[in-house]
């Protein structure tokens, strides 16, 4: 299984501070759930313990929304939450 990224997802990754390794981990080992428009969502929490945009956060949650293409997942968009 490979994880590929739509250009929209790459743009959101940069804006929201989510890396390819985090997204691949969410898809590979995270919680899987049904999402709108026939997509599949993946969610995983990561220990962060850093600053993001001037504020310290202990955890980061990464969500990836993807569609299946053959044996691969095409990630359409990404959301990152810091807490």
N, C-alpha and C. Protein backbone atom coordinates (compact mmCIF):
# COMPACT_ATOMS: atom_id res chain seq x y z
N UNK A 1 0.84 -1.18 0.00
CA UNK A 1 0.00 0.00 0.00
C UNK A 1 0.89 1.24 0.00
N UNK A 2 0.63 2.12 -0.91
CA UNK A 2 1.34 3.40 -0.97
C UNK A 2 0.36 4.52 -0.64
N UNK A 3 0.89 5.58 -0.11
CA UNK A 3 0.09 6.77 0.16
C UNK A 3 0.56 7.84 -0.80
N UNK A 4 -0.37 8.35 -1.61
CA UNK A 4 -0.07 9.43 -2.56
C UNK A 4 -0.84 10.66 -2.14
N UNK A 5 -0.39 11.83 -2.62
CA UNK A 5 -0.96 13.10 -2.16
C UNK A 5 -1.45 13.93 -3.33
N UNK A 6 -2.69 14.33 -3.25
CA UNK A 6 -3.27 15.27 -4.22
C UNK A 6 -2.61 16.63 -3.99
N UNK A 7 -2.48 17.46 -5.03
CA UNK A 7 -1.89 18.80 -4.83
C UNK A 7 -2.60 19.62 -3.74
N UNK A 8 -3.91 19.47 -3.64
CA UNK A 8 -4.65 20.17 -2.57
C UNK A 8 -4.15 19.72 -1.20
N UNK A 9 -3.94 18.42 -1.03
CA UNK A 9 -3.46 17.89 0.25
C UNK A 9 -2.07 18.43 0.57
N UNK A 10 -1.20 18.50 -0.42
CA UNK A 10 0.15 19.02 -0.19
C UNK A 10 0.10 20.48 0.28
N UNK A 11 -0.79 21.25 -0.31
CA UNK A 11 -0.94 22.65 0.09
C UNK A 11 -1.43 22.74 1.54
N UNK A 12 -2.41 21.94 1.89
CA UNK A 12 -2.94 21.95 3.25
C UNK A 12 -1.91 21.44 4.25
N UNK A 13 -1.09 20.47 3.86
CA UNK A 13 -0.04 19.97 4.73
C UNK A 13 0.91 21.10 5.13
N UNK A 14 1.31 21.89 4.16
CA UNK A 14 2.22 23.01 4.42
C UNK A 14 1.56 24.06 5.31
N UNK A 15 0.31 24.38 5.04
CA UNK A 15 -0.41 25.39 5.82
C UNK A 15 -0.66 24.96 7.26
N UNK A 16 -0.87 23.66 7.46
CA UNK A 16 -1.33 23.17 8.76
C UNK A 16 -0.26 22.43 9.55
N UNK A 17 0.95 22.33 8.99
CA UNK A 17 2.05 21.74 9.74
C UNK A 17 2.03 20.23 9.86
N UNK A 18 1.48 19.54 8.90
CA UNK A 18 1.45 18.07 8.92
C UNK A 18 2.47 17.54 7.92
N UNK A 19 3.26 16.57 8.35
CA UNK A 19 4.29 16.00 7.49
C UNK A 19 3.86 14.68 6.85
N UNK A 20 4.58 14.29 5.81
CA UNK A 20 4.27 13.04 5.11
C UNK A 20 4.35 11.83 6.03
N UNK A 21 5.35 11.80 6.93
CA UNK A 21 5.48 10.66 7.83
C UNK A 21 4.30 10.55 8.78
N UNK A 22 3.82 11.69 9.26
CA UNK A 22 2.65 11.68 10.16
C UNK A 22 1.41 11.19 9.42
N UNK A 23 1.23 11.65 8.21
CA UNK A 23 0.06 11.25 7.44
C UNK A 23 0.13 9.77 7.10
N UNK A 24 1.29 9.30 6.68
CA UNK A 24 1.45 7.87 6.38
C UNK A 24 1.18 7.03 7.62
N UNK A 25 1.61 7.49 8.79
CA UNK A 25 1.35 6.77 10.04
C UNK A 25 -0.15 6.77 10.36
N UNK A 26 -0.81 7.89 10.13
CA UNK A 26 -2.25 7.96 10.37
C UNK A 26 -2.99 6.99 9.46
N UNK A 27 -2.61 6.95 8.20
CA UNK A 27 -3.26 6.04 7.24
C UNK A 27 -2.93 4.59 7.58
N UNK A 28 -1.69 4.33 7.94
CA UNK A 28 -1.27 2.95 8.19
C UNK A 28 -1.67 2.39 9.54
N UNK A 29 -1.64 3.23 10.58
CA UNK A 29 -1.89 2.71 11.93
C UNK A 29 -2.94 3.47 12.72
N UNK A 30 -3.51 4.50 12.14
CA UNK A 30 -4.48 5.31 12.87
C UNK A 30 -5.89 4.76 12.84
N UNK A 31 -6.75 5.48 13.52
CA UNK A 31 -8.19 5.15 13.52
C UNK A 31 -8.76 5.45 12.13
N UNK A 32 -9.56 4.54 11.61
CA UNK A 32 -10.19 4.71 10.30
C UNK A 32 -11.68 4.93 10.49
N UNK A 33 -12.25 5.87 9.72
CA UNK A 33 -13.68 6.15 9.83
C UNK A 33 -14.23 6.59 8.48
N UNK A 34 -15.54 6.43 8.32
CA UNK A 34 -16.20 6.84 7.09
C UNK A 34 -16.34 8.36 7.07
N UNK A 35 -16.18 8.94 5.89
CA UNK A 35 -16.30 10.39 5.73
C UNK A 35 -17.27 10.68 4.59
N UNK A 36 -17.57 11.95 4.40
CA UNK A 36 -18.49 12.37 3.34
C UNK A 36 -17.93 12.04 1.95
N UNK A 37 -18.83 11.99 1.01
CA UNK A 37 -18.52 11.83 -0.42
C UNK A 37 -17.77 10.53 -0.72
N UNK A 38 -18.02 9.49 0.07
CA UNK A 38 -17.41 8.19 -0.17
C UNK A 38 -15.93 8.12 0.20
N UNK A 39 -15.46 9.08 0.94
CA UNK A 39 -14.05 9.09 1.35
C UNK A 39 -13.88 8.36 2.67
N UNK A 40 -12.63 8.08 2.97
CA UNK A 40 -12.28 7.45 4.24
C UNK A 40 -11.39 8.41 5.01
N UNK A 41 -11.68 8.55 6.29
CA UNK A 41 -10.87 9.40 7.15
C UNK A 41 -9.94 8.55 8.00
N UNK A 42 -8.78 9.11 8.29
CA UNK A 42 -7.80 8.46 9.16
C UNK A 42 -7.38 9.48 10.20
N UNK A 43 -7.25 9.04 11.45
CA UNK A 43 -6.92 9.97 12.53
C UNK A 43 -5.89 9.32 13.45
N UNK A 44 -4.91 10.14 13.84
CA UNK A 44 -3.92 9.64 14.80
C UNK A 44 -3.37 10.82 15.60
N UNK A 45 -3.13 10.58 16.90
CA UNK A 45 -2.54 11.59 17.77
C UNK A 45 -1.04 11.34 17.88
N UNK A 46 -0.29 12.44 17.94
CA UNK A 46 1.17 12.38 18.07
C UNK A 46 1.61 13.28 19.22
N UNK A 47 2.64 12.82 19.94
CA UNK A 47 3.26 13.66 20.95
C UNK A 47 3.97 14.79 20.20
N UNK A 48 3.71 16.02 20.56
CA UNK A 48 4.25 17.17 19.82
C UNK A 48 5.27 17.92 20.67
N UNK A 49 4.88 18.41 21.82
CA UNK A 49 5.74 19.12 22.75
C UNK A 49 6.63 20.18 22.10
N UNK A 50 6.01 21.04 21.29
CA UNK A 50 6.70 22.13 20.60
C UNK A 50 5.77 23.32 20.49
N UNK A 51 6.29 24.37 19.90
CA UNK A 51 5.46 25.53 19.62
C UNK A 51 4.96 25.47 18.18
N UNK A 52 3.73 25.92 17.99
CA UNK A 52 3.14 26.07 16.67
C UNK A 52 2.50 27.45 16.67
N UNK A 53 2.95 28.27 15.77
CA UNK A 53 2.45 29.64 15.64
C UNK A 53 2.47 30.39 16.97
N UNK A 54 3.59 30.27 17.67
CA UNK A 54 3.80 31.04 18.89
C UNK A 54 3.19 30.49 20.16
N UNK A 55 2.58 29.33 20.11
CA UNK A 55 1.96 28.74 21.30
C UNK A 55 2.44 27.30 21.46
N UNK A 56 2.71 26.90 22.70
CA UNK A 56 3.18 25.56 23.01
C UNK A 56 2.01 24.58 23.04
N UNK A 57 2.22 23.41 22.42
CA UNK A 57 1.23 22.33 22.43
C UNK A 57 1.91 21.02 22.75
N UNK A 58 1.25 20.22 23.55
CA UNK A 58 1.78 18.91 23.92
C UNK A 58 1.46 17.86 22.86
N UNK A 59 0.28 17.94 22.26
CA UNK A 59 -0.17 16.91 21.31
C UNK A 59 -0.57 17.53 19.98
N UNK A 60 -0.49 16.71 18.94
CA UNK A 60 -0.99 17.10 17.62
C UNK A 60 -1.81 15.93 17.08
N UNK A 61 -2.98 16.24 16.56
CA UNK A 61 -3.83 15.23 15.94
C UNK A 61 -3.85 15.50 14.44
N UNK A 62 -3.56 14.46 13.67
CA UNK A 62 -3.55 14.58 12.21
C UNK A 62 -4.70 13.75 11.66
N UNK A 63 -5.50 14.38 10.81
CA UNK A 63 -6.57 13.68 10.08
C UNK A 63 -6.28 13.78 8.60
N UNK A 64 -6.40 12.67 7.92
CA UNK A 64 -6.23 12.62 6.47
C UNK A 64 -7.50 12.05 5.87
N UNK A 65 -7.99 12.67 4.82
CA UNK A 65 -9.17 12.20 4.10
C UNK A 65 -8.72 11.71 2.74
N UNK A 66 -9.04 10.46 2.44
CA UNK A 66 -8.47 9.82 1.26
C UNK A 66 -9.50 8.98 0.52
N UNK A 67 -9.16 8.63 -0.71
CA UNK A 67 -9.94 7.69 -1.51
C UNK A 67 -9.00 6.56 -1.94
N UNK A 68 -9.57 5.40 -2.08
CA UNK A 68 -8.81 4.23 -2.50
C UNK A 68 -8.64 4.26 -4.01
N UNK A 69 -7.42 4.05 -4.47
CA UNK A 69 -7.13 3.91 -5.90
C UNK A 69 -6.29 2.65 -6.08
N UNK A 70 -6.96 1.57 -6.44
CA UNK A 70 -6.28 0.28 -6.52
C UNK A 70 -5.82 -0.13 -5.14
N UNK A 71 -4.54 -0.38 -4.98
CA UNK A 71 -3.98 -0.75 -3.67
C UNK A 71 -3.51 0.47 -2.88
N UNK A 72 -3.56 1.64 -3.48
CA UNK A 72 -3.03 2.86 -2.87
C UNK A 72 -4.13 3.72 -2.27
N UNK A 73 -3.73 4.65 -1.40
CA UNK A 73 -4.62 5.68 -0.88
C UNK A 73 -4.18 7.01 -1.46
N UNK A 74 -5.12 7.76 -2.02
CA UNK A 74 -4.86 9.11 -2.50
C UNK A 74 -5.43 10.07 -1.46
N UNK A 75 -4.55 10.77 -0.76
CA UNK A 75 -4.97 11.71 0.27
C UNK A 75 -5.45 12.98 -0.41
N UNK A 76 -6.69 13.37 -0.11
CA UNK A 76 -7.33 14.53 -0.72
C UNK A 76 -7.09 15.80 0.09
N UNK A 77 -7.22 15.70 1.40
CA UNK A 77 -6.99 16.86 2.27
C UNK A 77 -6.52 16.41 3.63
N UNK A 78 -5.98 17.35 4.38
CA UNK A 78 -5.39 17.06 5.67
C UNK A 78 -5.81 18.14 6.68
N UNK A 79 -6.07 17.71 7.91
CA UNK A 79 -6.38 18.63 9.00
C UNK A 79 -5.44 18.31 10.14
N UNK A 80 -4.89 19.34 10.77
CA UNK A 80 -4.06 19.15 11.97
C UNK A 80 -4.65 19.97 13.10
N UNK A 81 -4.78 19.34 14.26
CA UNK A 81 -5.27 20.03 15.45
C UNK A 81 -4.19 19.94 16.52
N UNK A 82 -4.01 21.04 17.21
CA UNK A 82 -2.99 21.09 18.25
C UNK A 82 -3.68 21.31 19.59
N UNK A 83 -3.26 20.56 20.59
CA UNK A 83 -3.84 20.72 21.92
C UNK A 83 -2.85 20.32 22.99
